[in-house]
N, C-alpha and C. Protein backbone atom coordinates (compact mmCIF):
# COMPACT_ATOMS: atom_id res chain seq x y z
N UNK A 1 43.41 -38.73 -69.44
CA UNK A 1 44.88 -38.95 -69.50
C UNK A 1 45.09 -38.42 -71.28
N UNK A 2 45.63 -37.45 -71.35
CA UNK A 2 46.04 -36.75 -72.82
C UNK A 2 47.10 -37.81 -73.57
N UNK A 3 46.61 -38.31 -74.65
CA UNK A 3 47.54 -39.01 -75.36
C UNK A 3 48.34 -38.40 -76.73
N UNK A 4 49.49 -37.97 -76.97
CA UNK A 4 50.10 -37.51 -78.35
C UNK A 4 50.87 -38.12 -78.45
N UNK A 5 51.06 -38.31 -79.89
CA UNK A 5 52.33 -38.93 -80.58
C UNK A 5 52.88 -37.98 -81.61
N UNK A 6 53.81 -38.47 -82.53
CA UNK A 6 54.84 -37.96 -83.29
C UNK A 6 53.63 -37.29 -84.59
N UNK A 7 52.70 -37.89 -84.86
CA UNK A 7 51.66 -37.31 -85.67
C UNK A 7 50.43 -36.24 -85.34
N UNK A 8 50.65 -36.01 -83.99
CA UNK A 8 49.81 -35.21 -83.28
C UNK A 8 50.20 -33.68 -83.86
N UNK A 9 48.94 -32.78 -84.39
CA UNK A 9 49.01 -31.39 -84.63
C UNK A 9 48.37 -31.02 -83.25
N UNK A 10 49.42 -30.13 -82.36
CA UNK A 10 48.83 -29.56 -81.12
C UNK A 10 48.53 -28.22 -81.52
N UNK A 11 47.30 -28.14 -81.03
CA UNK A 11 47.01 -26.33 -81.36
C UNK A 11 47.38 -25.66 -80.03
N UNK A 12 46.96 -26.29 -78.77
CA UNK A 12 47.53 -25.71 -77.33
C UNK A 12 47.32 -26.42 -76.10
N UNK A 13 47.81 -25.98 -75.29
CA UNK A 13 47.18 -26.34 -73.83
C UNK A 13 47.11 -25.24 -73.10
N UNK A 14 46.10 -25.34 -72.23
CA UNK A 14 45.98 -24.28 -71.24
C UNK A 14 45.67 -24.83 -69.73
N UNK A 15 46.27 -24.21 -68.84
CA UNK A 15 46.33 -24.51 -67.32
C UNK A 15 45.72 -23.66 -66.30
N UNK A 16 45.09 -23.80 -65.38
CA UNK A 16 44.79 -22.96 -64.64
C UNK A 16 44.65 -23.70 -63.20
N UNK A 17 44.97 -23.01 -61.91
CA UNK A 17 45.32 -23.52 -60.56
C UNK A 17 44.67 -22.84 -59.33
N UNK A 18 44.48 -23.17 -58.47
CA UNK A 18 44.06 -22.40 -57.22
C UNK A 18 45.22 -22.66 -56.45
N UNK A 19 45.77 -21.26 -55.92
CA UNK A 19 46.77 -21.31 -55.29
C UNK A 19 46.72 -21.79 -53.57
N UNK A 20 45.47 -21.68 -53.30
CA UNK A 20 45.02 -22.05 -51.53
C UNK A 20 44.75 -23.89 -51.73
N UNK A 21 44.30 -24.06 -52.77
CA UNK A 21 43.90 -25.87 -52.38
C UNK A 21 44.75 -26.51 -53.53
N UNK A 22 45.28 -26.09 -54.42
CA UNK A 22 46.07 -26.57 -55.46
C UNK A 22 45.50 -27.48 -56.44
N UNK A 23 44.21 -27.38 -56.24
CA UNK A 23 43.17 -28.05 -57.46
C UNK A 23 43.65 -27.33 -58.54
N UNK A 24 43.19 -27.87 -59.76
CA UNK A 24 43.67 -27.31 -60.98
C UNK A 24 42.69 -27.69 -62.18
N UNK A 25 42.84 -26.93 -63.47
CA UNK A 25 42.09 -27.33 -64.61
C UNK A 25 43.12 -27.21 -65.75
N UNK A 26 43.05 -28.27 -66.58
CA UNK A 26 43.98 -28.19 -67.66
C UNK A 26 43.31 -28.75 -69.13
N UNK A 27 43.43 -28.07 -69.92
CA UNK A 27 42.75 -28.67 -71.36
C UNK A 27 44.01 -28.55 -72.72
N UNK A 28 43.81 -29.45 -73.51
CA UNK A 28 44.39 -29.58 -74.64
C UNK A 28 43.66 -29.83 -76.16
N UNK A 29 43.92 -28.86 -76.92
CA UNK A 29 43.15 -29.03 -78.48
C UNK A 29 44.13 -29.69 -79.69
N UNK A 30 43.98 -30.43 -80.24
CA UNK A 30 44.54 -30.90 -81.15
C UNK A 30 43.62 -31.08 -82.49
N UNK A 31 44.37 -31.26 -83.53
CA UNK A 31 43.55 -31.37 -84.87
C UNK A 31 43.13 -32.90 -85.14
N UNK A 32 41.90 -33.13 -85.19
CA UNK A 32 41.27 -34.53 -85.05
C UNK A 32 42.12 -35.15 -86.09
N UNK A 33 42.62 -36.27 -85.74
CA UNK A 33 43.57 -37.02 -86.66
C UNK A 33 42.46 -37.78 -87.61
N UNK A 34 41.33 -37.81 -87.14
CA UNK A 34 40.35 -38.64 -88.13
C UNK A 34 39.69 -37.80 -88.91
N UNK A 35 39.57 -36.44 -88.93
CA UNK A 35 38.96 -35.51 -89.90
C UNK A 35 39.76 -34.32 -89.45
N UNK A 36 40.78 -34.05 -90.30
CA UNK A 36 41.75 -32.80 -90.28
C UNK A 36 40.63 -31.57 -90.42
N UNK A 37 39.53 -31.59 -90.83
CA UNK A 37 38.71 -29.95 -91.00
C UNK A 37 38.31 -29.83 -89.76
N UNK A 38 38.44 -30.74 -88.45
CA UNK A 38 37.95 -30.44 -87.21
C UNK A 38 39.03 -30.50 -86.29
N UNK A 39 38.65 -30.20 -85.30
CA UNK A 39 39.20 -30.29 -83.73
C UNK A 39 38.96 -31.01 -82.71
N UNK A 40 39.51 -31.58 -81.65
CA UNK A 40 38.93 -32.40 -80.57
C UNK A 40 39.83 -31.69 -79.43
N UNK A 41 39.64 -32.06 -78.31
CA UNK A 41 39.99 -31.72 -77.17
C UNK A 41 39.89 -32.57 -76.08
N UNK A 42 40.47 -32.05 -74.68
CA UNK A 42 40.23 -32.67 -73.66
C UNK A 42 40.30 -31.79 -72.63
N UNK A 43 39.48 -31.77 -71.40
CA UNK A 43 39.65 -31.05 -70.40
C UNK A 43 39.41 -31.62 -68.94
N UNK A 44 40.32 -31.19 -68.15
CA UNK A 44 40.11 -32.20 -66.76
C UNK A 44 40.31 -31.14 -65.65
N UNK A 45 39.45 -31.42 -64.60
CA UNK A 45 39.54 -30.66 -63.43
C UNK A 45 40.03 -31.81 -62.36
N UNK A 46 40.76 -31.60 -61.59
CA UNK A 46 41.70 -32.24 -60.69
C UNK A 46 41.56 -31.54 -59.35
N UNK A 47 41.11 -32.72 -58.37
CA UNK A 47 40.76 -32.14 -57.08
C UNK A 47 42.05 -32.79 -56.24
N UNK A 48 43.15 -32.03 -55.69
CA UNK A 48 44.32 -32.80 -54.89
C UNK A 48 44.07 -33.27 -53.96
N UNK A 49 44.56 -34.62 -53.54
CA UNK A 49 44.66 -35.32 -52.52
C UNK A 49 45.53 -35.68 -52.00
N UNK A 50 47.13 -35.59 -52.62
CA UNK A 50 48.27 -35.88 -52.13
C UNK A 50 49.30 -34.94 -53.28
N UNK A 51 50.65 -35.21 -52.71
CA UNK A 51 51.56 -34.30 -53.47
C UNK A 51 52.18 -35.36 -54.77
N UNK A 52 51.76 -36.37 -55.07
CA UNK A 52 52.25 -37.18 -55.96
C UNK A 52 52.00 -36.49 -57.34
N UNK A 53 52.83 -36.78 -58.42
CA UNK A 53 52.49 -36.39 -59.80
C UNK A 53 51.81 -37.55 -60.42
N UNK A 54 52.38 -38.88 -60.05
CA UNK A 54 52.11 -39.74 -60.80
C UNK A 54 51.45 -40.97 -59.83
N UNK A 55 50.82 -41.79 -60.25
CA UNK A 55 50.18 -42.83 -59.22
C UNK A 55 49.44 -42.18 -57.87
N UNK A 56 49.15 -40.82 -58.00
CA UNK A 56 48.27 -40.15 -56.83
C UNK A 56 46.84 -40.50 -56.45
N UNK A 57 46.33 -40.27 -55.80
CA UNK A 57 45.12 -40.14 -55.13
C UNK A 57 44.10 -39.25 -55.49
N UNK A 58 44.61 -38.20 -56.18
CA UNK A 58 43.72 -37.03 -56.67
C UNK A 58 42.61 -37.51 -57.49
N UNK A 59 41.53 -36.77 -57.55
CA UNK A 59 39.98 -37.23 -58.34
C UNK A 59 40.12 -36.40 -59.49
N UNK A 60 40.27 -36.85 -60.58
CA UNK A 60 40.34 -36.34 -61.91
C UNK A 60 38.90 -36.67 -62.62
N UNK A 61 38.31 -35.65 -63.29
CA UNK A 61 37.19 -35.63 -64.15
C UNK A 61 37.53 -34.86 -65.35
N UNK A 62 37.48 -36.05 -66.47
CA UNK A 62 37.84 -35.96 -67.96
C UNK A 62 36.61 -35.44 -68.45
N UNK A 63 36.73 -34.45 -69.52
CA UNK A 63 35.66 -34.54 -70.65
C UNK A 63 36.53 -34.32 -71.93
N UNK A 64 35.88 -34.96 -73.00
CA UNK A 64 36.35 -34.92 -74.30
C UNK A 64 35.30 -34.10 -75.05
N UNK A 65 35.86 -33.20 -76.12
CA UNK A 65 34.88 -32.53 -76.92
C UNK A 65 35.79 -32.31 -78.04
N UNK A 66 34.68 -31.90 -79.29
CA UNK A 66 35.00 -32.02 -80.56
C UNK A 66 34.35 -30.61 -81.23
N UNK A 67 35.12 -29.90 -82.21
CA UNK A 67 34.74 -28.86 -82.50
C UNK A 67 33.40 -29.09 -83.70
N UNK A 68 32.54 -27.95 -84.07
CA UNK A 68 31.67 -28.14 -85.27
C UNK A 68 32.59 -28.01 -86.65
N UNK A 69 32.01 -28.39 -87.47
CA UNK A 69 32.24 -28.09 -88.87
C UNK A 69 32.30 -26.48 -89.19
N UNK A 70 33.50 -26.23 -89.49
CA UNK A 70 33.93 -25.08 -89.90
C UNK A 70 34.73 -24.32 -88.81
N UNK A 71 34.62 -24.69 -87.83
CA UNK A 71 35.57 -23.80 -86.80
C UNK A 71 36.97 -23.87 -87.07
N UNK A 72 37.58 -22.82 -86.94
CA UNK A 72 38.91 -22.60 -86.98
C UNK A 72 39.83 -22.82 -85.88
N UNK A 73 41.10 -22.86 -86.38
CA UNK A 73 41.90 -22.93 -85.11
C UNK A 73 41.93 -21.56 -84.12
N UNK A 74 41.89 -20.68 -84.75
CA UNK A 74 41.97 -19.35 -84.18
C UNK A 74 40.68 -19.48 -83.39
N UNK A 75 39.45 -19.97 -83.42
CA UNK A 75 38.20 -19.92 -82.95
C UNK A 75 38.57 -20.93 -81.78
N UNK A 76 39.25 -22.07 -82.29
CA UNK A 76 39.29 -22.69 -80.81
C UNK A 76 40.27 -22.21 -79.68
N UNK A 77 41.10 -21.85 -80.13
CA UNK A 77 41.97 -20.79 -79.18
C UNK A 77 41.42 -19.64 -78.45
N UNK A 78 40.21 -18.92 -79.27
CA UNK A 78 39.71 -17.85 -78.44
C UNK A 78 38.50 -18.49 -77.66
N UNK A 79 38.16 -19.77 -78.02
CA UNK A 79 37.21 -20.23 -77.14
C UNK A 79 37.78 -20.76 -75.76
N UNK A 80 39.00 -21.49 -75.97
CA UNK A 80 39.65 -21.79 -74.63
C UNK A 80 40.02 -20.81 -73.95
N UNK A 81 40.78 -19.53 -74.68
CA UNK A 81 41.16 -18.32 -73.63
C UNK A 81 39.86 -17.68 -72.84
N UNK A 82 38.51 -18.09 -73.62
CA UNK A 82 37.38 -17.46 -72.92
C UNK A 82 37.29 -18.43 -71.72
N UNK A 83 37.36 -19.80 -72.02
CA UNK A 83 36.64 -20.73 -70.87
C UNK A 83 37.79 -20.40 -69.77
N UNK A 84 39.04 -20.31 -69.86
CA UNK A 84 39.99 -19.90 -69.03
C UNK A 84 39.77 -18.70 -68.27
N UNK A 85 39.26 -17.68 -68.93
CA UNK A 85 39.19 -16.58 -68.24
C UNK A 85 37.84 -16.76 -67.21
N UNK A 86 36.70 -17.41 -67.72
CA UNK A 86 35.55 -17.75 -66.92
C UNK A 86 36.07 -18.53 -65.39
N UNK A 87 37.12 -19.70 -65.92
CA UNK A 87 37.21 -19.91 -64.53
C UNK A 87 38.36 -19.25 -63.58
N UNK A 88 38.56 -18.08 -63.94
CA UNK A 88 39.52 -17.52 -63.19
C UNK A 88 39.36 -17.20 -61.62
N UNK A 89 37.92 -16.99 -61.38
CA UNK A 89 37.63 -16.69 -60.09
C UNK A 89 38.04 -17.78 -59.25
N UNK A 90 38.04 -19.01 -59.78
CA UNK A 90 38.16 -20.25 -58.89
C UNK A 90 39.59 -20.62 -59.39
N UNK A 91 40.29 -20.49 -60.17
CA UNK A 91 41.66 -20.91 -60.45
C UNK A 91 42.36 -19.78 -60.96
N UNK A 92 42.71 -18.91 -60.06
CA UNK A 92 43.33 -17.67 -60.59
C UNK A 92 44.95 -17.62 -61.12
N UNK A 93 45.52 -18.74 -60.92
CA UNK A 93 46.73 -18.76 -61.76
C UNK A 93 46.62 -19.35 -62.87
N UNK A 94 47.02 -18.75 -64.06
CA UNK A 94 46.59 -19.40 -65.56
C UNK A 94 47.98 -19.25 -66.24
N UNK A 95 47.99 -20.26 -67.21
CA UNK A 95 49.22 -20.40 -67.90
C UNK A 95 48.68 -21.09 -69.35
N UNK A 96 49.30 -20.79 -70.47
CA UNK A 96 49.13 -21.90 -71.70
C UNK A 96 50.35 -21.78 -72.43
N UNK A 97 50.36 -22.44 -73.21
CA UNK A 97 51.36 -22.87 -74.37
C UNK A 97 50.36 -22.86 -75.60
N UNK A 98 50.66 -21.92 -76.71
CA UNK A 98 50.06 -22.14 -77.97
C UNK A 98 51.35 -22.56 -78.86
N UNK A 99 50.64 -23.80 -79.41
CA UNK A 99 52.03 -24.43 -80.14
C UNK A 99 51.80 -24.58 -81.60
N UNK A 100 50.38 -24.82 -82.08
CA UNK A 100 50.48 -24.79 -83.79
C UNK A 100 51.39 -25.65 -84.06
N UNK A 101 51.48 -26.81 -83.76
CA UNK A 101 52.65 -27.62 -84.39
C UNK A 101 52.79 -28.82 -83.79
N UNK A 102 54.01 -29.47 -83.86
CA UNK A 102 54.24 -30.87 -83.44
C UNK A 102 54.30 -31.39 -81.92
N UNK A 103 54.26 -32.53 -81.58
CA UNK A 103 54.82 -32.78 -80.01
C UNK A 103 56.17 -31.96 -79.64
N UNK A 104 57.14 -32.45 -80.63
CA UNK A 104 58.43 -31.82 -80.52
C UNK A 104 58.31 -30.55 -80.24
N UNK A 105 57.79 -29.48 -80.99
CA UNK A 105 57.62 -28.25 -80.59
C UNK A 105 56.67 -27.88 -79.26
N UNK A 106 56.03 -28.84 -78.83
CA UNK A 106 55.44 -28.62 -77.73
C UNK A 106 56.43 -28.95 -76.55
N UNK A 107 57.13 -29.66 -76.60
CA UNK A 107 58.06 -30.12 -75.73
C UNK A 107 59.36 -29.21 -75.49
N UNK A 108 59.25 -28.40 -76.64
CA UNK A 108 60.40 -27.17 -76.40
C UNK A 108 59.90 -26.13 -75.76
N UNK A 109 58.51 -25.96 -76.25
CA UNK A 109 57.75 -24.87 -75.38
C UNK A 109 57.50 -24.86 -74.17
N UNK A 110 57.47 -26.38 -73.81
CA UNK A 110 57.19 -26.33 -72.29
C UNK A 110 58.21 -26.29 -71.11
N UNK A 111 59.25 -25.76 -71.86
CA UNK A 111 60.33 -26.18 -70.67
C UNK A 111 60.11 -25.04 -69.84
N UNK A 112 60.22 -25.58 -68.34
CA UNK A 112 59.92 -24.45 -67.22
C UNK A 112 58.37 -24.58 -66.85
N UNK A 113 57.55 -25.45 -67.56
CA UNK A 113 56.23 -25.53 -67.25
C UNK A 113 56.00 -26.62 -66.28
N UNK A 114 56.21 -26.32 -64.99
CA UNK A 114 56.11 -27.39 -63.69
C UNK A 114 54.76 -28.21 -63.98
N UNK A 115 53.52 -27.48 -64.71
CA UNK A 115 52.30 -27.93 -64.69
C UNK A 115 52.03 -29.18 -65.61
N UNK A 116 53.09 -28.96 -66.43
CA UNK A 116 53.14 -29.94 -67.72
C UNK A 116 53.67 -30.74 -67.32
N UNK A 117 53.29 -32.16 -67.21
CA UNK A 117 53.95 -33.45 -66.71
C UNK A 117 53.63 -34.61 -67.69
N UNK A 118 54.98 -34.91 -68.46
CA UNK A 118 54.93 -35.92 -69.25
C UNK A 118 55.60 -36.94 -69.29
N UNK A 119 55.00 -38.06 -70.02
CA UNK A 119 56.00 -39.45 -69.61
C UNK A 119 55.73 -40.18 -71.41
N UNK A 120 56.66 -40.99 -71.49
CA UNK A 120 56.84 -41.66 -72.83
C UNK A 120 56.18 -42.99 -72.32
N UNK A 121 55.27 -43.13 -73.10
CA UNK A 121 54.80 -44.46 -73.09
C UNK A 121 54.92 -45.83 -74.34
N UNK A 122 55.15 -46.96 -73.93
CA UNK A 122 55.44 -47.72 -75.14
C UNK A 122 54.09 -47.90 -76.07
N UNK A 123 54.37 -47.97 -77.44
CA UNK A 123 53.03 -48.05 -78.53
C UNK A 123 52.75 -49.13 -78.25
């Protein structure tokens, strides 16, 4: 699960899916809150088992990653775009949100993106 808050600087989110199986891949890049000169991210592959959004039986495989020193925001965007392109043979439907800003900005940009399901949790 990707957890963001009002202090998060979100670079972007990427999503790809397979229209036949409904399986998908999603990734998010943020500025590392512990080291603002670096970025960190999450990537998730999901194998669909049911039609539920929350509390589903879907299989999810998460990976966390971090940038190397000196990688720029644009380098991270280009890397995720290239990764999404590589996955296109298995996940032909693609979308992304380049945020370069706050959670509030991401929520505004995510309007109409049915693949981005968010819920507020208590701190």
